[in-house]
């Protein structure tokens, strides 16, 4: 069996995912593996009502920037 070289940890910035990152960091240190953090969001419901305002054009860019900033803060390498 090949040794584990990479651990992928899904994060949603909750306390539970922070604990998962800490556990993965410990495992990675013992195994000499790297860690990749991923963040996935659920698409917001888009209203089909007569007064639909839609999603602002900057919504996804702002969401991405926020997630990247939070991922950098949570990364074990930056702690």
PDB file of N, CA and C in Angstrom:
ATOM      1  N   UNK A   1       0.842  -1.176   0.000  1.00  0.00           N
ATOM      2  CA  UNK A   1       0.000   0.000   0.000  1.00  0.00           C
ATOM      3  C   UNK A   1       0.895   1.251   0.000  1.00  0.00           C
ATOM      4  N   UNK A   2       0.538   2.222  -0.837  1.00  0.00           N
ATOM      5  CA  UNK A   2       1.295   3.460  -0.909  1.00  0.00           C
ATOM      6  C   UNK A   2       1.030   4.317   0.328  1.00  0.00           C
ATOM      7  N   UNK A   3       2.046   5.032   0.809  1.00  0.00           N
ATOM      8  CA  UNK A   3       1.829   5.903   1.970  1.00  0.00           C
ATOM      9  C   UNK A   3       0.939   7.097   1.601  1.00  0.00           C
ATOM     10  N   UNK A   4       0.230   7.591   2.586  1.00  0.00           N
ATOM     11  CA  UNK A   4      -0.614   8.766   2.377  1.00  0.00           C
ATOM     12  C   UNK A   4       0.293   9.980   2.194  1.00  0.00           C
ATOM     13  N   UNK A   5       0.100  10.688   1.082  1.00  0.00           N
ATOM     14  CA  UNK A   5       0.927  11.847   0.780  1.00  0.00           C
ATOM     15  C   UNK A   5       0.160  13.153   0.824  1.00  0.00           C
ATOM     16  N   UNK A   6      -1.163  13.050   0.782  1.00  0.00           N
ATOM     17  CA  UNK A   6      -1.986  14.255   0.679  1.00  0.00           C
ATOM     18  C   UNK A   6      -3.303  14.029   1.425  1.00  0.00           C
ATOM     19  N   UNK A   7      -3.682  15.024   2.230  1.00  0.00           N
ATOM     20  CA  UNK A   7      -4.940  14.960   2.966  1.00  0.00           C
ATOM     21  C   UNK A   7      -5.787  16.151   2.540  1.00  0.00           C
ATOM     22  N   UNK A   8      -7.011  15.880   2.105  1.00  0.00           N
ATOM     23  CA  UNK A   8      -7.927  16.930   1.672  1.00  0.00           C
ATOM     24  C   UNK A   8      -8.960  17.127   2.780  1.00  0.00           C
ATOM     25  N   UNK A   9      -9.101  18.383   3.232  1.00  0.00           N
ATOM     26  CA  UNK A   9     -10.008  18.681   4.334  1.00  0.00           C
ATOM     27  C   UNK A   9     -11.048  19.705   3.879  1.00  0.00           C
ATOM     28  N   UNK A  10     -12.323  19.329   3.872  1.00  0.00           N
ATOM     29  CA  UNK A  10     -13.368  20.297   3.540  1.00  0.00           C
ATOM     30  C   UNK A  10     -13.612  21.217   4.744  1.00  0.00           C
ATOM     31  N   UNK A  11     -13.762  22.503   4.481  1.00  0.00           N
ATOM     32  CA  UNK A  11     -14.005  23.458   5.570  1.00  0.00           C
ATOM     33  C   UNK A  11     -15.194  24.346   5.253  1.00  0.00           C
ATOM     34  N   UNK A  12     -15.925  24.675   6.308  1.00  0.00           N
ATOM     35  CA  UNK A  12     -17.031  25.624   6.171  1.00  0.00           C
ATOM     36  C   UNK A  12     -16.892  26.740   7.202  1.00  0.00           C
ATOM     37  N   UNK A  13     -15.711  26.814   7.808  1.00  0.00           N
ATOM     38  CA  UNK A  13     -15.349  27.842   8.790  1.00  0.00           C
ATOM     39  C   UNK A  13     -16.116  27.705  10.097  1.00  0.00           C
ATOM     40  N   UNK A  14     -16.673  26.527  10.356  1.00  0.00           N
ATOM     41  CA  UNK A  14     -17.334  26.267  11.625  1.00  0.00           C
ATOM     42  C   UNK A  14     -16.299  25.738  12.614  1.00  0.00           C
ATOM     43  N   UNK A  15     -16.703  25.631  13.878  1.00  0.00           N
ATOM     44  CA  UNK A  15     -15.819  25.053  14.893  1.00  0.00           C
ATOM     45  C   UNK A  15     -15.488  23.601  14.558  1.00  0.00           C
ATOM     46  N   UNK A  16     -16.454  22.882  14.000  1.00  0.00           N
ATOM     47  CA  UNK A  16     -16.224  21.476  13.645  1.00  0.00           C
ATOM     48  C   UNK A  16     -15.162  21.351  12.557  1.00  0.00           C
ATOM     49  N   UNK A  17     -15.220  22.211  11.556  1.00  0.00           N
ATOM     50  CA  UNK A  17     -14.217  22.097  10.494  1.00  0.00           C
ATOM     51  C   UNK A  17     -12.850  22.556  10.995  1.00  0.00           C
ATOM     52  N   UNK A  18     -12.811  23.503  11.931  1.00  0.00           N
ATOM     53  CA  UNK A  18     -11.530  23.914  12.521  1.00  0.00           C
ATOM     54  C   UNK A  18     -10.891  22.730  13.250  1.00  0.00           C
ATOM     55  N   UNK A  19     -11.712  21.958  13.932  1.00  0.00           N
ATOM     56  CA  UNK A  19     -11.204  20.761  14.621  1.00  0.00           C
ATOM     57  C   UNK A  19     -10.688  19.742  13.604  1.00  0.00           C
ATOM     58  N   UNK A  20     -11.402  19.596  12.492  1.00  0.00           N
ATOM     59  CA  UNK A  20     -10.958  18.662  11.443  1.00  0.00           C
ATOM     60  C   UNK A  20      -9.611  19.095  10.870  1.00  0.00           C
ATOM     61  N   UNK A  21      -9.420  20.397  10.684  1.00  0.00           N
ATOM     62  CA  UNK A  21      -8.138  20.907  10.178  1.00  0.00           C
ATOM     63  C   UNK A  21      -7.026  20.598  11.174  1.00  0.00           C
ATOM     64  N   UNK A  22      -7.291  20.824  12.458  1.00  0.00           N
ATOM     65  CA  UNK A  22      -6.284  20.532  13.482  1.00  0.00           C
ATOM     66  C   UNK A  22      -5.928  19.045  13.498  1.00  0.00           C
ATOM     67  N   UNK A  23      -6.936  18.193  13.397  1.00  0.00           N
ATOM     68  CA  UNK A  23      -6.679  16.746  13.387  1.00  0.00           C
ATOM     69  C   UNK A  23      -5.886  16.346  12.141  1.00  0.00           C
ATOM     70  N   UNK A  24      -6.265  16.913  11.001  1.00  0.00           N
ATOM     71  CA  UNK A  24      -5.557  16.598   9.754  1.00  0.00           C
ATOM     72  C   UNK A  24      -4.114  17.077   9.821  1.00  0.00           C
ATOM     73  N   UNK A  25      -3.893  18.236  10.461  1.00  0.00           N
ATOM     74  CA  UNK A  25      -2.529  18.759  10.587  1.00  0.00           C
ATOM     75  C   UNK A  25      -1.662  17.805  11.404  1.00  0.00           C
ATOM     76  N   UNK A  26      -2.231  17.275  12.472  1.00  0.00           N
ATOM     77  CA  UNK A  26      -1.495  16.302  13.281  1.00  0.00           C
ATOM     78  C   UNK A  26      -1.174  15.042  12.498  1.00  0.00           C
ATOM     79  N   UNK A  27      -2.153  14.555  11.763  1.00  0.00           N
ATOM     80  CA  UNK A  27      -1.934  13.358  10.941  1.00  0.00           C
ATOM     81  C   UNK A  27      -0.894  13.619   9.868  1.00  0.00           C
ATOM     82  N   UNK A  28      -0.999  14.782   9.228  1.00  0.00           N
ATOM     83  CA  UNK A  28      -0.062  15.108   8.150  1.00  0.00           C
ATOM     84  C   UNK A  28       1.367  15.192   8.671  1.00  0.00           C
ATOM     85  N   UNK A  29       1.512  15.754   9.856  1.00  0.00           N
ATOM     86  CA  UNK A  29       2.850  15.860  10.444  1.00  0.00           C
ATOM     87  C   UNK A  29       3.438  14.468  10.689  1.00  0.00           C
ATOM     88  N   UNK A  30       2.625  13.560  11.222  1.00  0.00           N
ATOM     89  CA  UNK A  30       3.091  12.202  11.494  1.00  0.00           C
ATOM     90  C   UNK A  30       3.421  11.440  10.213  1.00  0.00           C
ATOM     91  N   UNK A  31       2.644  11.701   9.157  1.00  0.00           N
ATOM     92  CA  UNK A  31       2.803  10.950   7.906  1.00  0.00           C
ATOM     93  C   UNK A  31       3.730  11.633   6.903  1.00  0.00           C
ATOM     94  N   UNK A  32       4.088  12.890   7.176  1.00  0.00           N
ATOM     95  CA  UNK A  32       4.875  13.642   6.195  1.00  0.00           C
ATOM     96  C   UNK A  32       4.049  13.989   4.972  1.00  0.00           C
ATOM     97  N   UNK A  33       2.757  14.184   5.180  1.00  0.00           N
ATOM     98  CA  UNK A  33       1.834  14.468   4.072  1.00  0.00           C
ATOM     99  C   UNK A  33       1.534  15.960   3.995  1.00  0.00           C
ATOM    100  N   UNK A  34       0.982  16.377   2.874  1.00  0.00           N
ATOM    101  CA  UNK A  34       0.533  17.758   2.714  1.00  0.00           C
ATOM    102  C   UNK A  34      -0.972  17.819   2.958  1.00  0.00           C
ATOM    103  N   UNK A  35      -1.470  19.029   3.201  1.00  0.00           N
ATOM    104  CA  UNK A  35      -2.904  19.232   3.426  1.00  0.00           C
ATOM    105  C   UNK A  35      -3.427  20.222   2.402  1.00  0.00           C
ATOM    106  N   UNK A  36      -4.574  19.907   1.820  1.00  0.00           N
ATOM    107  CA  UNK A  36      -5.294  20.838   0.952  1.00  0.00           C
ATOM    108  C   UNK A  36      -6.629  21.139   1.623  1.00  0.00           C
ATOM    109  N   UNK A  37      -6.915  22.419   1.815  1.00  0.00           N
ATOM    110  CA  UNK A  37      -8.199  22.830   2.358  1.00  0.00           C
ATOM    111  C   UNK A  37      -9.100  23.222   1.204  1.00  0.00           C
ATOM    112  N   UNK A  38     -10.355  22.774   1.258  1.00  0.00           N
ATOM    113  CA  UNK A  38     -11.300  23.162   0.217  1.00  0.00           C
ATOM    114  C   UNK A  38     -12.539  23.757   0.874  1.00  0.00           C
ATOM    115  N   UNK A  39     -13.127  24.714   0.208  1.00  0.00           N
ATOM    116  CA  UNK A  39     -14.353  25.328   0.701  1.00  0.00           C
ATOM    117  C   UNK A  39     -15.384  25.285  -0.417  1.00  0.00           C
ATOM    118  N   UNK A  40     -16.514  24.711  -0.108  1.00  0.00           N
ATOM    119  CA  UNK A  40     -17.600  24.607  -1.078  1.00  0.00           C
ATOM    120  C   UNK A  40     -18.822  25.265  -0.472  1.00  0.00           C
ATOM    121  N   UNK A  41     -19.524  26.025  -1.276  1.00  0.00           N
ATOM    122  CA  UNK A  41     -20.724  26.686  -0.780  1.00  0.00           C
ATOM    123  C   UNK A  41     -21.953  26.133  -1.470  1.00  0.00           C
ATOM    124  N   UNK A  42     -23.060  26.262  -0.812  1.00  0.00           N
ATOM    125  CA  UNK A  42     -24.333  25.917  -1.412  1.00  0.00           C
ATOM    126  C   UNK A  42     -24.838  27.160  -2.135  1.00  0.00           C
ATOM    127  N   UNK A  43     -25.263  27.002  -3.353  1.00  0.00           N
ATOM    128  CA  UNK A  43     -25.782  28.143  -4.106  1.00  0.00           C
ATOM    129  C   UNK A  43     -26.999  28.721  -3.397  1.00  0.00           C
ATOM    130  N   UNK A  44     -27.064  30.041  -3.302  1.00  0.00           N
ATOM    131  CA  UNK A  44     -28.240  30.643  -2.682  1.00  0.00           C
ATOM    132  C   UNK A  44     -29.469  30.434  -3.566  1.00  0.00           C
ATOM    133  N   UNK A  45     -30.605  30.355  -2.922  1.00  0.00           N
ATOM    134  CA  UNK A  45     -31.852  30.228  -3.680  1.00  0.00           C
ATOM    135  C   UNK A  45     -32.082  31.522  -4.453  1.00  0.00           C
ATOM    136  N   UNK A  46     -32.430  31.396  -5.696  1.00  0.00           N
ATOM    137  CA  UNK A  46     -32.703  32.575  -6.517  1.00  0.00           C
ATOM    138  C   UNK A  46     -34.210  32.732  -6.607  1.00  0.00           C
ATOM    139  N   UNK A  47     -34.672  33.858  -6.169  1.00  0.00           N
ATOM    140  CA  UNK A  47     -36.109  34.108  -6.131  1.00  0.00           C
ATOM    141  C   UNK A  47     -36.685  34.201  -7.536  1.00  0.00           C
ATOM    142  N   UNK A  48     -37.845  33.623  -7.690  1.00  0.00           N
ATOM    143  CA  UNK A  48     -38.556  33.723  -8.961  1.00  0.00           C
ATOM    144  C   UNK A  48     -39.788  34.610  -8.792  1.00  0.00           C
ATOM    145  N   UNK A  49     -39.801  35.342  -7.680  1.00  0.00           N
ATOM    146  CA  UNK A  49     -40.941  36.210  -7.378  1.00  0.00           C
ATOM    147  C   UNK A  49     -40.994  37.374  -8.360  1.00  0.00           C
ATOM    148  N   UNK A  50     -42.140  38.030  -8.458  1.00  0.00           N
ATOM    149  CA  UNK A  50     -42.265  39.174  -9.369  1.00  0.00           C
ATOM    150  C   UNK A  50     -41.280  40.304  -9.039  1.00  0.00           C
ATOM    151  N   UNK A  51     -40.824  40.353  -7.805  1.00  0.00           N
ATOM    152  CA  UNK A  51     -39.916  41.425  -7.392  1.00  0.00           C
ATOM    153  C   UNK A  51     -38.479  40.948  -7.293  1.00  0.00           C
ATOM    154  N   UNK A  52     -38.142  39.978  -8.083  1.00  0.00           N
ATOM    155  CA  UNK A  52     -36.804  39.393  -8.071  1.00  0.00           C
ATOM    156  C   UNK A  52     -35.748  40.459  -8.337  1.00  0.00           C
ATOM    157  N   UNK A  53     -34.812  40.573  -7.402  1.00  0.00           N
ATOM    158  CA  UNK A  53     -33.714  41.530  -7.594  1.00  0.00           C
ATOM    159  C   UNK A  53     -32.461  40.834  -8.115  1.00  0.00           C
ATOM    160  N   UNK A  54     -32.476  39.513  -8.126  1.00  0.00           N
ATOM    161  CA  UNK A  54     -31.339  38.763  -8.641  1.00  0.00           C
ATOM    162  C   UNK A  54     -30.146  38.812  -7.712  1.00  0.00           C
ATOM    163  N   UNK A  55     -29.036  38.293  -8.179  1.00  0.00           N
ATOM    164  CA  UNK A  55     -27.794  38.274  -7.409  1.00  0.00           C
ATOM    165  C   UNK A  55     -26.907  39.396  -7.940  1.00  0.00           C
ATOM    166  N   UNK A  56     -26.387  40.237  -7.047  1.00  0.00           N
ATOM    167  CA  UNK A  56     -25.509  41.322  -7.510  1.00  0.00           C
ATOM    168  C   UNK A  56     -24.301  40.770  -8.267  1.00  0.00           C
ATOM    169  N   UNK A  57     -23.830  41.503  -9.236  1.00  0.00           N
ATOM    170  CA  UNK A  57     -22.725  41.023 -10.073  1.00  0.00           C
ATOM    171  C   UNK A  57     -21.449  40.803  -9.272  1.00  0.00           C
ATOM    172  N   UNK A  58     -21.302  41.457  -8.138  1.00  0.00           N
ATOM    173  CA  UNK A  58     -20.092  41.305  -7.323  1.00  0.00           C
ATOM    174  C   UNK A  58     -20.198  40.185  -6.296  1.00  0.00           C
ATOM    175  N   UNK A  59     -21.367  39.544  -6.212  1.00  0.00           N
ATOM    176  CA  UNK A  59     -21.609  38.537  -5.169  1.00  0.00           C
ATOM    177  C   UNK A  59     -20.544  37.447  -5.160  1.00  0.00           C
ATOM    178  N   UNK A  60     -20.311  36.804  -6.301  1.00  0.00           N
ATOM    179  CA  UNK A  60     -19.389  35.675  -6.335  1.00  0.00           C
ATOM    180  C   UNK A  60     -17.939  36.101  -6.142  1.00  0.00           C
ATOM    181  N   UNK A  61     -17.559  37.251  -6.655  1.00  0.00           N
ATOM    182  CA  UNK A  61     -16.196  37.744  -6.451  1.00  0.00           C
ATOM    183  C   UNK A  61     -15.952  38.013  -4.964  1.00  0.00           C
ATOM    184  N   UNK A  62     -16.917  38.642  -4.309  1.00  0.00           N
ATOM    185  CA  UNK A  62     -16.786  38.930  -2.886  1.00  0.00           C
ATOM    186  C   UNK A  62     -16.771  37.645  -2.068  1.00  0.00           C
ATOM    187  N   UNK A  63     -17.592  36.685  -2.454  1.00  0.00           N
ATOM    188  CA  UNK A  63     -17.633  35.410  -1.760  1.00  0.00           C
ATOM    189  C   UNK A  63     -16.299  34.682  -1.896  1.00  0.00           C
ATOM    190  N   UNK A  64     -15.745  34.690  -3.096  1.00  0.00           N
ATOM    191  CA  UNK A  64     -14.450  34.043  -3.329  1.00  0.00           C
ATOM    192  C   UNK A  64     -13.341  34.709  -2.515  1.00  0.00           C
ATOM    193  N   UNK A  65     -13.304  36.038  -2.510  1.00  0.00           N
ATOM    194  CA  UNK A  65     -12.281  36.756  -1.751  1.00  0.00           C
ATOM    195  C   UNK A  65     -12.390  36.454  -0.256  1.00  0.00           C
ATOM    196  N   UNK A  66     -13.608  36.429   0.240  1.00  0.00           N
ATOM    197  CA  UNK A  66     -13.824  36.122   1.658  1.00  0.00           C
ATOM    198  C   UNK A  66     -13.355  34.709   1.982  1.00  0.00           C
ATOM    199  N   UNK A  67     -13.716  33.748   1.143  1.00  0.00           N
ATOM    200  CA  UNK A  67     -13.317  32.356   1.380  1.00  0.00           C
ATOM    201  C   UNK A  67     -11.801  32.204   1.300  1.00  0.00           C
ATOM    202  N   UNK A  68     -11.155  32.855   0.341  1.00  0.00           N
ATOM    203  CA  UNK A  68      -9.704  32.764   0.220  1.00  0.00           C
ATOM    204  C   UNK A  68      -9.019  33.346   1.455  1.00  0.00           C
ATOM    205  N   UNK A  69      -9.527  34.455   1.944  1.00  0.00           N
ATOM    206  CA  UNK A  69      -8.963  35.088   3.140  1.00  0.00           C
ATOM    207  C   UNK A  69      -9.123  34.158   4.354  1.00  0.00           C
ATOM    208  N   UNK A  70     -10.307  33.582   4.500  1.00  0.00           N
ATOM    209  CA  UNK A  70     -10.554  32.681   5.627  1.00  0.00           C
ATOM    210  C   UNK A  70      -9.728  31.402   5.515  1.00  0.00           C
ATOM    211  N   UNK A  71      -9.586  30.869   4.308  1.00  0.00           N
ATOM    212  CA  UNK A  71      -8.763  29.672   4.121  1.00  0.00           C
ATOM    213  C   UNK A  71      -7.313  29.956   4.481  1.00  0.00           C
ATOM    214  N   UNK A  72      -6.809  31.117   4.105  1.00  0.00           N
ATOM    215  CA  UNK A  72      -5.428  31.485   4.439  1.00  0.00           C
ATOM    216  C   UNK A  72      -5.259  31.585   5.953  1.00  0.00           C
ATOM    217  N   UNK A  73      -6.268  32.126   6.633  1.00  0.00           N
ATOM    218  CA  UNK A  73      -6.208  32.242   8.090  1.00  0.00           C
ATOM    219  C   UNK A  73      -6.258  30.877   8.762  1.00  0.00           C
ATOM    220  N   UNK A  74      -6.984  29.931   8.193  1.00  0.00           N
ATOM    221  CA  UNK A  74      -7.158  28.604   8.781  1.00  0.00           C
ATOM    222  C   UNK A  74      -6.044  27.628   8.411  1.00  0.00           C
ATOM    223  N   UNK A  75      -5.260  27.969   7.420  1.00  0.00           N
ATOM    224  CA  UNK A  75      -4.224  27.058   6.947  1.00  0.00           C
ATOM    225  C   UNK A  75      -3.237  26.758   8.069  1.00  0.00           C
ATOM    226  N   UNK A  76      -2.969  25.463   8.329  1.00  0.00           N
ATOM    227  CA  UNK A  76      -2.001  25.103   9.370  1.00  0.00           C
ATOM    228  C   UNK A  76      -0.629  25.710   9.136  1.00  0.00           C
ATOM    229  N   UNK A  77      -0.267  25.934   7.885  1.00  0.00           N
ATOM    230  CA  UNK A  77       1.039  26.497   7.566  1.00  0.00           C
ATOM    231  C   UNK A  77       1.168  27.946   8.019  1.00  0.00           C
ATOM    232  N   UNK A  78       0.030  28.638   8.195  1.00  0.00           N
ATOM    233  CA  UNK A  78       0.091  30.050   8.585  1.00  0.00           C
ATOM    234  C   UNK A  78      -0.178  30.246  10.065  1.00  0.00           C
ATOM    235  N   UNK A  79      -0.343  29.172  10.795  1.00  0.00           N
ATOM    236  CA  UNK A  79      -0.595  29.295  12.236  1.00  0.00           C
ATOM    237  C   UNK A  79       0.686  29.293  13.012  1.00  0.00           C
TER     238      UNK A  79
END
